[in-house]
Amino acid sequence: MYEWREIRGFIRVAKMPFKFHLKKSRQYNVVSKNQYVICVELLDSSSIECTLSIDSSGQECLNNVTQRIGLGQPEFFGLRYICCHGTPSLRWIDMDKPLKKQLEKDAKSFTLYLRVMHYITDIQFIQDDITRLHYYLQLKNDVLEEKIHCNSRQACLLVGYSMQAEFGDYSTEKHTIDYFKQCVFFANDVIKTEPGGQDSLLHTAICQYKSLANVAQSTAEELYISSVMQLEGYGNETFTAKDSSNNKVILGISVNGIMVAYSSTQTTQFYRWRDISNVINHKKTFRIECQLEGEEAKQFVFTESRDAKYIWRLCIAQHTFYMQYQERRPLERSNGYFDNETNDPGEQAISVNLDNRTVDNHTRWTSYNDLSTSPYPAVVSVSSTDINNLRALLPSYRPAPDYETAIQMKYKNGGNPPQPYYANQSAIVGSDISCLLGNVVNHNRY
């Protein structure tokens, strides 16, 4: 026989094999000196909150967000914040440095924005449904905010794709002009240039929408993305500076290279990464050096040294993505491209080499050498058409016979070795196509 007090004691031990150390309030508070909560706005305008430690890096925060929303290709994305210095502007978080320190120094608030940082030039690079959706939302925002420019005809085409992607097939009863007036589909400049205003644009867009019946919504997203890739301003992050003659210029940094637009003369120059040998930053100046024969170096001056340094780091980040992603390797973030800037005029600048990234303490210039030299071999990119052609070169499928049939065929052939029997092409294409890729010409390189 056991007394009740003994049994009760046994139950307590079974349920509570360890002790909780609670504060006097007997409550556990998530926000402490070592932890904080940050809000991240997504591309669909919803928000999620992340609990981080004070030592958490920007990459940890990005991983937290992308895993929770199921984003399969986070290498295209980054986190932005509103900079509190000078005119409010969006800046990219340095993924390798503690997030909290960056925000305390430069950010207007503890709110981050998940955005596309690295744009691509081929829709085939997007392999994930959630990634495609967020990429589509980013491009739609870029068009509405007039970062990407289009005329009224192009805008109606894009809106038709957008309607099919978001609402499915056209319905006569539901999808009227009055219904779509509740949504924002056109940029203000496009509406102003159309004589009939928004109603005329919506009418044209709905006609385009009707023609897309039975087109899958995912396909409509791809059509939208592919169309926007052809427009002016796609993938460019622009900054204002002055050239050596004190003329105002607009610098556009993209995955393909650097654009220099002169507003006074309406001329534009573009320097591809493979033609650029070096980008240099020194205090308020930013310099582009080319390896093309007869091409002189271009130098630009910014109002603040932190702006010149930030653009220099952005160039490095975009060039690194250009070199690494066309190899179809997982992206590895480079170190310190967006670390905390300083306005100290006596700051000792560093020299960064692409091959070994050594530090030269004898120079006062910040340089990114040998941009034109690729440490990677040539790229082979295979389209779906090429894959089908390669599969045609493989042996056709023939089901393997049973044992008795194989024996009969063996002796029927007079002892000659039997003909080989192959598995289904889909089972061997992964291993056998790789042997054929050496003869494929890459048509999709940047």
Protein backbone atom coordinates (compact mmCIF):
# COMPACT_ATOMS: atom_id res chain seq x y z
CA MET A 1 0.00 0.00 0.00
CA TYR A 2 1.16 3.55 -0.85
CA GLU A 3 0.01 6.59 1.00
CA TRP A 4 -1.56 9.37 -1.06
CA ARG A 5 1.19 11.83 -0.19
CA GLU A 6 3.76 9.43 -1.61
CA ILE A 7 1.79 9.00 -4.83
CA ARG A 8 1.29 12.73 -5.20
CA GLY A 9 5.00 13.22 -4.75
CA PHE A 10 5.69 10.68 -7.47
CA ILE A 11 3.37 12.48 -9.90
CA ARG A 12 5.07 15.79 -9.23
CA VAL A 13 8.47 14.33 -10.00
CA ALA A 14 7.21 12.66 -13.20
CA LYS A 15 5.74 15.88 -14.58
CA MET A 16 8.43 18.27 -13.41
CA PRO A 17 11.84 16.63 -13.86
CA PHE A 18 13.46 20.10 -14.00
CA LYS A 19 12.82 23.52 -12.55
CA PHE A 20 11.84 26.81 -14.21
CA HIS A 21 13.62 29.86 -12.90
CA LEU A 22 11.06 32.66 -13.21
CA LYS A 23 11.36 36.27 -12.23
CA LYS A 24 9.41 37.63 -9.29
CA SER A 25 6.59 38.55 -11.67
CA ARG A 26 6.47 34.85 -12.70
CA GLN A 27 6.40 35.95 -16.37
CA TYR A 28 8.97 35.57 -19.12
CA ASN A 29 9.58 38.70 -21.20
CA VAL A 30 10.92 38.11 -24.74
CA VAL A 31 12.23 41.65 -25.11
CA SER A 32 15.33 41.96 -22.96
CA LYS A 33 18.73 43.56 -23.09
CA ASN A 34 19.98 40.73 -25.32
CA GLN A 35 16.95 40.45 -27.60
CA TYR A 36 14.73 42.75 -29.61
CA VAL A 37 11.80 42.50 -32.03
CA ILE A 38 11.96 43.95 -35.53
CA CYS A 39 9.20 44.41 -38.11
CA VAL A 40 9.80 43.38 -41.74
CA GLU A 41 7.42 44.55 -44.47
CA LEU A 42 6.93 42.07 -47.32
CA LEU A 43 6.26 42.81 -50.97
CA ASP A 44 2.55 42.08 -50.59
CA SER A 45 2.37 44.89 -47.98
CA SER A 46 1.93 42.44 -45.09
CA SER A 47 4.41 42.41 -42.21
CA ILE A 48 6.01 39.84 -39.96
CA GLU A 49 7.96 40.26 -36.75
CA CYS A 50 11.31 38.66 -36.00
CA THR A 51 12.86 38.21 -32.56
CA LEU A 52 16.63 38.62 -32.82
CA SER A 53 19.59 38.87 -30.50
CA ILE A 54 21.74 41.98 -30.43
CA ASP A 55 24.48 40.05 -32.24
CA SER A 56 22.23 38.75 -35.04
CA SER A 57 23.46 39.67 -38.51
CA GLY A 58 21.39 40.91 -41.41
CA GLN A 59 21.74 37.50 -43.05
CA GLU A 60 20.18 35.80 -40.00
CA CYS A 61 17.21 38.15 -40.21
CA LEU A 62 16.84 37.52 -43.97
CA ASN A 63 17.02 33.76 -43.42
CA ASN A 64 14.36 34.02 -40.73
CA VAL A 65 12.01 35.90 -43.05
CA THR A 66 12.56 33.82 -46.20
CA GLN A 67 12.13 30.53 -44.35
CA ARG A 68 8.87 31.63 -42.78
CA ILE A 69 7.33 32.67 -46.10
CA GLY A 70 8.79 29.71 -48.02
CA LEU A 71 11.03 31.75 -50.35
CA GLY A 72 13.17 29.19 -52.17
CA GLN A 73 15.71 31.56 -53.78
CA PRO A 74 16.64 34.15 -51.15
CA GLU A 75 19.84 35.06 -53.01
CA PHE A 76 17.85 37.51 -55.15
CA PHE A 77 16.60 39.45 -52.12
CA GLY A 78 17.89 41.83 -49.47
CA LEU A 79 16.65 43.98 -46.61
CA ARG A 80 16.31 47.75 -46.88
CA TYR A 81 15.88 50.50 -44.32
CA ILE A 82 15.14 54.22 -44.49
CA CYS A 83 18.36 56.17 -43.94
CA CYS A 84 18.04 59.11 -41.56
CA HIS A 85 21.00 61.08 -42.96
CA GLY A 86 20.17 63.89 -45.37
CA THR A 87 17.24 63.25 -47.70
CA PRO A 88 15.40 60.08 -46.59
CA SER A 89 16.39 57.23 -48.89
CA LEU A 90 16.35 53.46 -48.88
CA ARG A 91 19.64 51.71 -48.23
CA TRP A 92 20.62 48.04 -48.19
CA ILE A 93 21.49 46.28 -44.95
CA ASP A 94 24.96 44.77 -44.71
CA MET A 95 24.21 41.07 -44.36
CA ASP A 96 27.43 40.23 -42.54
CA LYS A 97 27.34 42.82 -39.75
CA PRO A 98 25.15 43.01 -36.61
CA LEU A 99 21.77 44.33 -37.68
CA LYS A 100 20.94 46.28 -34.54
CA LYS A 101 24.11 48.41 -34.69
CA GLN A 102 23.45 49.38 -38.29
CA LEU A 103 19.90 50.45 -37.55
CA GLU A 104 20.81 52.40 -34.41
CA LYS A 105 23.39 54.39 -36.35
CA ASP A 106 21.72 55.05 -39.70
CA ALA A 107 18.05 54.02 -39.74
CA LYS A 108 15.05 56.27 -39.23
CA SER A 109 13.11 53.42 -37.59
CA PHE A 110 13.40 49.73 -36.77
CA THR A 111 11.36 48.72 -39.82
CA LEU A 112 12.91 46.72 -42.65
CA TYR A 113 11.64 46.05 -46.17
CA LEU A 114 12.12 42.77 -48.03
CA ARG A 115 12.97 43.71 -51.61
CA VAL A 116 14.67 42.31 -54.72
CA MET A 117 18.33 43.35 -54.60
CA HIS A 118 19.77 41.38 -57.52
CA TYR A 119 17.76 41.41 -60.74
CA ILE A 120 18.18 38.72 -63.38
CA THR A 121 18.13 38.76 -67.18
CA ASP A 122 16.45 35.41 -67.84
CA ILE A 123 13.15 34.17 -66.41
CA GLN A 124 14.59 30.63 -66.42
CA PHE A 125 16.72 31.52 -63.42
CA ILE A 126 13.56 31.60 -61.29
CA GLN A 127 12.84 28.03 -60.21
CA ASP A 128 10.58 28.59 -57.20
CA ASP A 129 6.88 29.57 -57.18
CA ILE A 130 7.10 31.83 -54.12
CA THR A 131 10.21 33.50 -55.52
CA ARG A 132 8.42 34.13 -58.83
CA LEU A 133 5.44 35.68 -57.00
CA HIS A 134 7.61 38.06 -54.97
CA TYR A 135 9.73 38.90 -58.00
CA TYR A 136 6.54 39.75 -59.91
CA LEU A 137 5.32 41.97 -57.03
CA GLN A 138 8.67 43.78 -56.99
CA LEU A 139 8.52 44.55 -60.71
CA LYS A 140 4.90 45.68 -60.41
CA ASN A 141 5.93 48.12 -57.67
CA ASP A 142 8.87 49.34 -59.78
CA VAL A 143 6.52 50.09 -62.70
CA LEU A 144 3.97 51.90 -60.51
CA GLU A 145 6.72 53.93 -58.81
CA GLU A 146 8.09 54.82 -62.29
CA LYS A 147 11.49 53.28 -61.63
CA ILE A 148 10.81 51.29 -64.79
CA HIS A 149 9.47 53.36 -67.68
CA CYS A 150 6.81 52.31 -70.18
CA ASN A 151 4.37 53.99 -72.57
CA SER A 152 0.59 53.58 -72.47
CA ARG A 153 0.57 50.65 -74.90
CA GLN A 154 3.18 48.75 -72.91
CA ALA A 155 1.39 49.62 -69.67
CA CYS A 156 -1.91 48.14 -70.93
CA LEU A 157 -0.15 44.96 -71.98
CA LEU A 158 1.43 44.62 -68.53
CA VAL A 159 -1.86 45.34 -66.77
CA GLY A 160 -3.54 42.61 -68.83
CA TYR A 161 -0.92 40.12 -67.61
CA SER A 162 -1.31 41.45 -64.09
CA MET A 163 -5.09 40.98 -64.14
CA GLN A 164 -4.78 37.41 -65.36
CA ALA A 165 -2.10 36.67 -62.73
CA GLU A 166 -4.13 38.08 -59.85
CA PHE A 167 -7.78 37.41 -60.79
CA GLY A 168 -7.67 34.38 -63.08
CA ASP A 169 -9.87 34.14 -66.18
CA TYR A 170 -12.01 37.11 -67.18
CA SER A 171 -15.63 37.20 -65.95
CA THR A 172 -18.12 39.43 -67.77
CA GLU A 173 -20.28 39.96 -64.67
CA LYS A 174 -17.48 40.65 -62.23
CA HIS A 175 -14.52 42.20 -64.04
CA THR A 176 -15.90 45.56 -65.12
CA ILE A 177 -14.17 48.92 -65.36
CA ASP A 178 -15.82 50.03 -62.11
CA TYR A 179 -14.50 46.91 -60.38
CA PHE A 180 -10.90 47.54 -61.47
CA LYS A 181 -11.04 51.23 -60.52
CA GLN A 182 -10.58 50.08 -56.92
CA CYS A 183 -7.09 48.80 -57.82
CA VAL A 184 -3.97 50.73 -58.80
CA PHE A 185 -2.68 49.47 -62.14
CA PHE A 186 -1.16 52.51 -63.88
CA ALA A 187 1.56 54.97 -62.94
CA ASN A 188 0.55 58.62 -62.71
CA ASP A 189 2.68 59.64 -65.69
CA VAL A 190 1.00 57.05 -67.92
CA ILE A 191 -2.48 58.27 -66.90
CA LYS A 192 -1.52 61.89 -67.61
CA THR A 193 -0.29 61.10 -71.13
CA GLU A 194 -3.46 59.20 -72.11
CA PRO A 195 -6.17 61.49 -73.60
CA GLY A 196 -8.99 59.34 -72.26
CA GLY A 197 -7.46 59.04 -68.81
CA GLN A 198 -7.71 55.97 -66.61
CA ASP A 199 -11.02 54.72 -68.11
CA SER A 200 -9.51 54.51 -71.59
CA LEU A 201 -6.46 52.66 -70.26
CA LEU A 202 -8.59 50.21 -68.31
CA HIS A 203 -10.75 49.50 -71.36
CA THR A 204 -7.65 48.64 -73.43
CA ALA A 205 -6.17 46.57 -70.59
CA ILE A 206 -9.41 44.59 -70.16
CA CYS A 207 -9.40 43.76 -73.88
CA GLN A 208 -5.89 42.40 -73.41
CA TYR A 209 -7.09 40.58 -70.29
CA LYS A 210 -9.90 38.85 -72.22
CA SER A 211 -7.42 37.49 -74.76
CA LEU A 212 -5.54 35.66 -71.99
CA ALA A 213 -8.37 33.24 -71.19
CA ASN A 214 -7.16 29.80 -70.00
CA VAL A 215 -3.63 31.11 -69.41
CA ALA A 216 -2.39 29.85 -66.04
CA GLN A 217 -1.85 32.53 -63.40
CA SER A 218 1.75 31.42 -62.92
CA THR A 219 2.31 31.76 -66.68
CA ALA A 220 0.84 35.26 -66.59
CA GLU A 221 3.35 36.18 -63.89
CA GLU A 222 6.16 34.89 -66.11
CA LEU A 223 4.85 36.85 -69.09
CA TYR A 224 4.75 40.00 -66.96
CA ILE A 225 8.32 39.48 -65.72
CA SER A 226 9.68 38.71 -69.20
CA SER A 227 8.02 41.83 -70.63
CA VAL A 228 9.32 44.14 -67.90
CA MET A 229 12.86 42.81 -68.45
CA GLN A 230 12.83 44.57 -71.83
CA LEU A 231 11.89 48.00 -70.47
CA GLU A 232 14.08 50.99 -69.68
CA GLY A 233 15.18 51.19 -66.06
CA TYR A 234 14.84 47.48 -65.30
CA GLY A 235 17.16 46.45 -62.47
CA ASN A 236 18.79 49.88 -62.14
CA GLU A 237 19.39 51.57 -58.79
CA THR A 238 20.07 55.21 -59.57
CA PHE A 239 22.08 57.93 -57.82
CA THR A 240 22.75 61.59 -58.61
CA ALA A 241 26.30 62.94 -58.92
CA LYS A 242 28.43 65.37 -60.92
CA ASP A 243 31.13 64.59 -63.46
CA SER A 244 34.57 66.17 -63.76
CA SER A 245 33.02 69.10 -65.68
CA ASN A 246 30.48 69.73 -62.89
CA ASN A 247 27.62 68.45 -65.02
CA LYS A 248 24.79 66.62 -63.30
CA VAL A 249 24.68 62.91 -64.11
CA ILE A 250 22.63 59.90 -63.01
CA LEU A 251 24.51 56.71 -62.20
CA GLY A 252 22.60 53.45 -62.55
CA ILE A 253 24.06 50.32 -60.92
CA SER A 254 22.73 46.98 -62.17
CA VAL A 255 23.75 43.34 -62.50
CA ASN A 256 25.04 44.02 -66.03
CA GLY A 257 27.19 47.06 -65.29
CA ILE A 258 27.10 50.81 -64.70
CA MET A 259 24.96 53.30 -66.61
CA VAL A 260 25.88 57.00 -66.83
CA ALA A 261 23.06 59.26 -68.03
CA TYR A 262 23.57 62.98 -68.79
CA SER A 263 20.31 64.86 -68.32
CA SER A 264 21.57 68.00 -70.08
CA THR A 265 22.56 66.31 -73.35
CA GLN A 266 20.13 63.35 -73.20
CA THR A 267 23.00 60.93 -73.78
CA THR A 268 23.65 57.68 -71.96
CA GLN A 269 26.78 55.59 -71.65
CA PHE A 270 26.88 52.02 -70.39
CA TYR A 271 29.92 50.19 -69.01
CA ARG A 272 29.59 46.42 -68.78
CA TRP A 273 31.32 44.59 -65.97
CA ARG A 274 33.49 42.69 -68.46
CA ASP A 275 34.76 46.04 -69.82
CA ILE A 276 35.43 47.60 -66.40
CA SER A 277 38.85 46.93 -64.90
CA ASN A 278 38.42 48.79 -61.63
CA VAL A 279 36.08 50.93 -59.53
CA ILE A 280 37.71 53.29 -57.05
CA ASN A 281 36.42 55.34 -54.14
CA HIS A 282 38.27 58.15 -52.40
CA LYS A 283 36.36 60.42 -50.03
CA LYS A 284 33.59 62.02 -52.15
CA THR A 285 34.81 60.73 -55.53
CA PHE A 286 33.87 57.56 -57.39
CA ARG A 287 35.96 56.49 -60.40
CA ILE A 288 35.37 53.95 -63.20
CA GLU A 289 38.39 52.58 -65.06
CA CYS A 290 37.87 50.61 -68.29
CA GLN A 291 40.10 48.18 -70.13
CA LEU A 292 38.76 49.23 -73.54
CA GLU A 293 41.40 50.79 -75.75
CA GLY A 294 41.09 54.56 -75.94
CA GLU A 295 38.45 54.72 -73.19
CA GLU A 296 39.35 57.23 -70.52
CA ALA A 297 38.54 56.77 -66.85
CA LYS A 298 35.36 58.46 -65.62
CA GLN A 299 35.27 60.23 -62.27
CA PHE A 300 32.21 61.47 -60.38
CA VAL A 301 31.76 63.57 -57.26
CA PHE A 302 29.06 63.14 -54.61
CA THR A 303 27.84 65.55 -51.97
CA GLU A 304 28.68 63.16 -49.13
CA SER A 305 31.59 60.75 -48.83
CA ARG A 306 29.25 58.12 -47.38
CA ASP A 307 27.29 58.16 -50.68
CA ALA A 308 30.38 57.56 -52.79
CA LYS A 309 31.47 54.75 -50.49
CA TYR A 310 28.01 53.17 -50.49
CA ILE A 311 27.85 53.14 -54.31
CA TRP A 312 31.34 51.65 -54.48
CA ARG A 313 30.20 48.81 -52.22
CA LEU A 314 27.01 48.35 -54.22
CA CYS A 315 29.10 47.96 -57.38
CA ILE A 316 31.13 45.24 -55.69
CA ALA A 317 27.98 43.43 -54.55
CA GLN A 318 26.40 43.55 -58.02
CA HIS A 319 29.61 42.46 -59.73
CA THR A 320 29.98 39.57 -57.28
CA PHE A 321 26.42 38.44 -58.03
CA TYR A 322 27.14 38.76 -61.76
CA MET A 323 30.23 36.55 -61.47
CA GLN A 324 28.81 33.97 -59.08
CA TYR A 325 25.23 33.51 -60.21
CA GLN A 326 25.98 32.96 -63.87
CA GLU A 327 28.02 30.00 -62.64
CA ARG A 328 24.75 28.66 -61.17
CA ARG A 329 26.45 28.19 -57.84
CA PRO A 330 24.82 29.09 -54.50
CA LEU A 331 25.54 32.71 -53.69
CA GLU A 332 27.94 33.52 -50.90
CA ARG A 333 27.68 37.02 -49.49
CA SER A 334 30.85 39.04 -49.71
CA ASN A 335 32.18 40.61 -46.55
CA GLY A 336 31.53 44.18 -45.54
CA TYR A 337 30.15 45.75 -48.69
CA PHE A 338 27.70 47.84 -46.72
CA ASP A 339 29.42 48.29 -43.40
CA ASN A 340 28.99 51.46 -41.35
CA GLU A 341 30.29 54.44 -43.24
CA THR A 342 32.25 57.24 -41.72
CA ASN A 343 32.69 60.85 -42.72
CA ASP A 344 36.12 61.16 -41.16
CA PRO A 345 38.21 62.97 -43.81
CA GLY A 346 41.36 61.40 -42.42
CA GLU A 347 40.07 57.88 -42.79
CA GLN A 348 42.66 55.43 -44.09
CA ALA A 349 41.13 53.82 -47.17
CA ILE A 350 41.82 50.24 -48.23
CA SER A 351 42.55 48.46 -51.49
CA VAL A 352 40.56 45.30 -52.19
CA ASN A 353 41.79 42.81 -54.77
CA LEU A 354 39.33 40.45 -56.45
CA ASP A 355 41.63 37.45 -56.24
CA ASN A 356 43.03 37.59 -52.71
CA ARG A 357 41.32 40.63 -51.11
CA THR A 358 44.52 41.75 -49.42
CA VAL A 359 44.78 45.05 -47.61
CA ASP A 360 47.25 47.65 -48.74
CA ASN A 361 48.02 50.14 -45.99
CA HIS A 362 50.16 52.30 -48.24
CA THR A 363 47.30 53.72 -50.30
CA ARG A 364 44.59 56.20 -49.49
CA TRP A 365 42.29 54.96 -52.21
CA THR A 366 39.53 52.37 -51.96
CA SER A 367 39.77 50.18 -55.04
CA TYR A 368 38.18 47.03 -56.42
CA ASN A 369 40.77 45.69 -58.86
CA ASP A 370 40.48 43.53 -61.97
CA LEU A 371 36.73 43.55 -62.37
CA SER A 372 37.16 42.31 -65.91
CA THR A 373 39.08 39.21 -64.84
CA SER A 374 36.81 36.29 -64.04
CA PRO A 375 38.10 33.61 -61.65
CA TYR A 376 35.43 31.27 -62.98
CA PRO A 377 35.37 29.18 -66.21
CA ALA A 378 32.92 29.67 -69.03
CA VAL A 379 29.28 29.03 -68.27
CA VAL A 380 27.03 26.45 -69.90
CA SER A 381 23.36 27.34 -69.80
CA VAL A 382 20.92 24.83 -71.29
CA SER A 383 17.43 25.84 -72.34
CA SER A 384 14.43 23.52 -72.40
CA THR A 385 14.76 23.21 -76.19
CA ASP A 386 18.39 22.11 -75.83
CA ILE A 387 17.37 19.57 -73.19
CA ASN A 388 14.77 18.07 -75.54
CA ASN A 389 17.33 17.87 -78.33
CA LEU A 390 19.78 16.13 -76.02
CA ARG A 391 17.17 13.68 -74.85
CA ALA A 392 16.54 12.77 -78.51
CA LEU A 393 20.19 11.63 -78.70
CA LEU A 394 19.65 9.16 -75.86
CA PRO A 395 18.57 5.55 -76.55
CA SER A 396 14.81 5.09 -76.73
CA TYR A 397 12.95 3.32 -73.95
CA ARG A 398 12.50 -0.44 -74.21
CA PRO A 399 11.06 -2.38 -71.26
CA ALA A 400 13.35 -5.11 -69.92
CA PRO A 401 12.03 -8.66 -70.64
CA ASP A 402 11.49 -11.33 -68.04
CA TYR A 403 14.05 -14.06 -67.43
CA GLU A 404 12.54 -16.69 -69.76
CA THR A 405 12.26 -14.28 -72.69
CA ALA A 406 15.87 -13.16 -72.18
CA ILE A 407 17.10 -16.80 -72.27
CA GLN A 408 15.12 -17.54 -75.42
CA MET A 409 16.52 -14.46 -77.15
CA LYS A 410 20.04 -15.37 -76.10
CA TYR A 411 19.93 -18.85 -77.66
CA LYS A 412 17.88 -17.64 -80.62
CA ASN A 413 20.73 -15.25 -81.45
CA GLY A 414 23.18 -18.11 -81.54
CA GLY A 415 24.96 -17.25 -78.35
CA ASN A 416 25.63 -13.65 -79.32
CA PRO A 417 25.46 -11.21 -76.42
CA PRO A 418 21.96 -9.78 -76.01
CA GLN A 419 21.17 -6.23 -76.99
CA PRO A 420 21.19 -3.75 -74.10
CA TYR A 421 17.94 -2.74 -72.48
CA TYR A 422 17.71 0.79 -71.12
CA ALA A 423 15.75 2.28 -68.31
CA ASN A 424 13.32 5.13 -68.86
CA GLN A 425 15.00 8.26 -70.26
CA SER A 426 13.78 10.34 -67.33
CA ALA A 427 15.76 8.08 -65.01
CA ILE A 428 19.02 8.38 -66.92
CA VAL A 429 18.79 11.90 -68.33
CA GLY A 430 20.35 13.39 -65.19
CA SER A 431 23.54 11.38 -65.56
CA ASP A 432 23.79 10.98 -69.34
CA ILE A 433 22.95 14.53 -70.44
CA SER A 434 25.92 15.86 -68.49
CA CYS A 435 28.17 13.98 -70.94
CA LEU A 436 26.59 15.84 -73.84
CA LEU A 437 26.73 19.36 -72.43
CA GLY A 438 30.26 19.98 -73.63
CA ASN A 439 28.96 20.67 -77.14
CA VAL A 440 26.19 23.02 -76.09
CA VAL A 441 26.74 26.69 -76.81
CA ASN A 442 25.62 29.06 -74.05
CA HIS A 443 23.07 31.55 -75.44
CA ASN A 444 21.91 32.98 -72.10
CA ARG A 445 25.02 34.50 -70.63
CA TYR A 446 24.77 37.98 -69.17
